[in-house]
Amino acid sequence: MGTDFDAEGLLDGLDGAAREARLELLEQLEAEGVPLDDLHAASRDGRLLFVGAERAMGGQARYSTR
């Protein structure tokens, strides 16, 4: 069984289609081996959507939505 992203607070404030899309993204990133701590950090920094690209490029995260 995978991580309970709701209990982890990674779905807070989302409902409907936005919640489903976030859950799908989190499940995909988890399946690709992204550690939970990294998911929390990316969510907090507003760059969760870019984690896959960051990993594909092999570099350090340098940008956020801020």
Protein backbone atom coordinates (compact mmCIF):
# COMPACT_ATOMS: atom_id res chain seq x y z
CA MET A 1 0.00 0.00 0.00
CA GLY A 2 1.25 3.48 -0.88
CA THR A 3 1.61 6.57 1.21
CA ASP A 4 -1.48 8.21 2.67
CA PHE A 5 -0.91 11.61 1.09
CA ASP A 6 -4.02 13.01 2.75
CA ALA A 7 -2.69 12.13 6.20
CA GLU A 8 0.66 13.63 5.18
CA GLY A 9 -1.07 16.95 4.48
CA LEU A 10 -0.16 16.98 0.80
CA LEU A 11 -3.80 17.24 -0.31
CA ASP A 12 -4.83 19.98 2.14
CA GLY A 13 -7.06 22.67 0.68
CA LEU A 14 -7.82 20.76 -2.50
CA ASP A 15 -11.05 19.18 -3.65
CA GLY A 16 -12.61 17.79 -6.79
CA ALA A 17 -10.50 17.66 -9.92
CA ALA A 18 -7.59 19.55 -8.34
CA ARG A 19 -7.37 16.99 -5.53
CA GLU A 20 -7.51 14.07 -7.97
CA ALA A 21 -4.81 15.62 -10.17
CA ARG A 22 -2.54 16.25 -7.17
CA LEU A 23 -3.07 12.70 -5.91
CA GLU A 24 -2.22 11.27 -9.34
CA LEU A 25 0.95 13.37 -9.50
CA LEU A 26 2.03 12.34 -6.00
CA GLU A 27 1.42 8.67 -6.75
CA GLN A 28 3.43 8.92 -9.97
CA LEU A 29 6.34 10.68 -8.26
CA GLU A 30 6.31 8.16 -5.42
CA ALA A 31 6.37 5.29 -7.94
CA GLU A 32 9.40 6.93 -9.58
CA GLY A 33 11.20 6.85 -6.24
CA VAL A 34 10.87 10.45 -5.07
CA PRO A 35 11.27 10.41 -1.28
CA LEU A 36 8.40 11.69 0.85
CA ASP A 37 10.60 14.41 2.35
CA ASP A 38 11.28 15.71 -1.16
CA LEU A 39 7.56 15.73 -1.93
CA HIS A 40 6.89 17.75 1.22
CA ALA A 41 9.67 20.22 0.38
CA ALA A 42 8.50 20.62 -3.22
CA SER A 43 4.91 21.13 -2.10
CA ARG A 44 5.95 23.70 0.49
CA ASP A 45 8.10 25.55 -2.09
CA GLY A 46 5.40 25.54 -4.77
CA ARG A 47 7.40 23.41 -7.20
CA LEU A 48 5.71 20.02 -6.90
CA LEU A 49 4.68 20.16 -10.54
CA PHE A 50 8.32 20.52 -11.59
CA VAL A 51 9.82 17.64 -9.57
CA GLY A 52 9.66 15.23 -12.50
CA ALA A 53 11.47 17.66 -14.80
CA GLU A 54 14.08 18.42 -12.14
CA ARG A 55 14.78 14.71 -11.77
CA ALA A 56 14.91 14.17 -15.53
CA MET A 57 17.41 17.00 -15.90
CA GLY A 58 19.46 15.60 -13.03
CA GLY A 59 20.04 18.96 -11.42
CA GLN A 60 19.40 20.66 -8.17
CA ALA A 61 16.11 22.48 -7.76
CA ARG A 62 16.74 26.15 -8.43
CA TYR A 63 13.35 27.58 -9.20
CA SER A 64 10.02 27.85 -7.46
CA THR A 65 6.78 29.66 -8.17
CA ARG A 66 7.91 32.40 -5.80
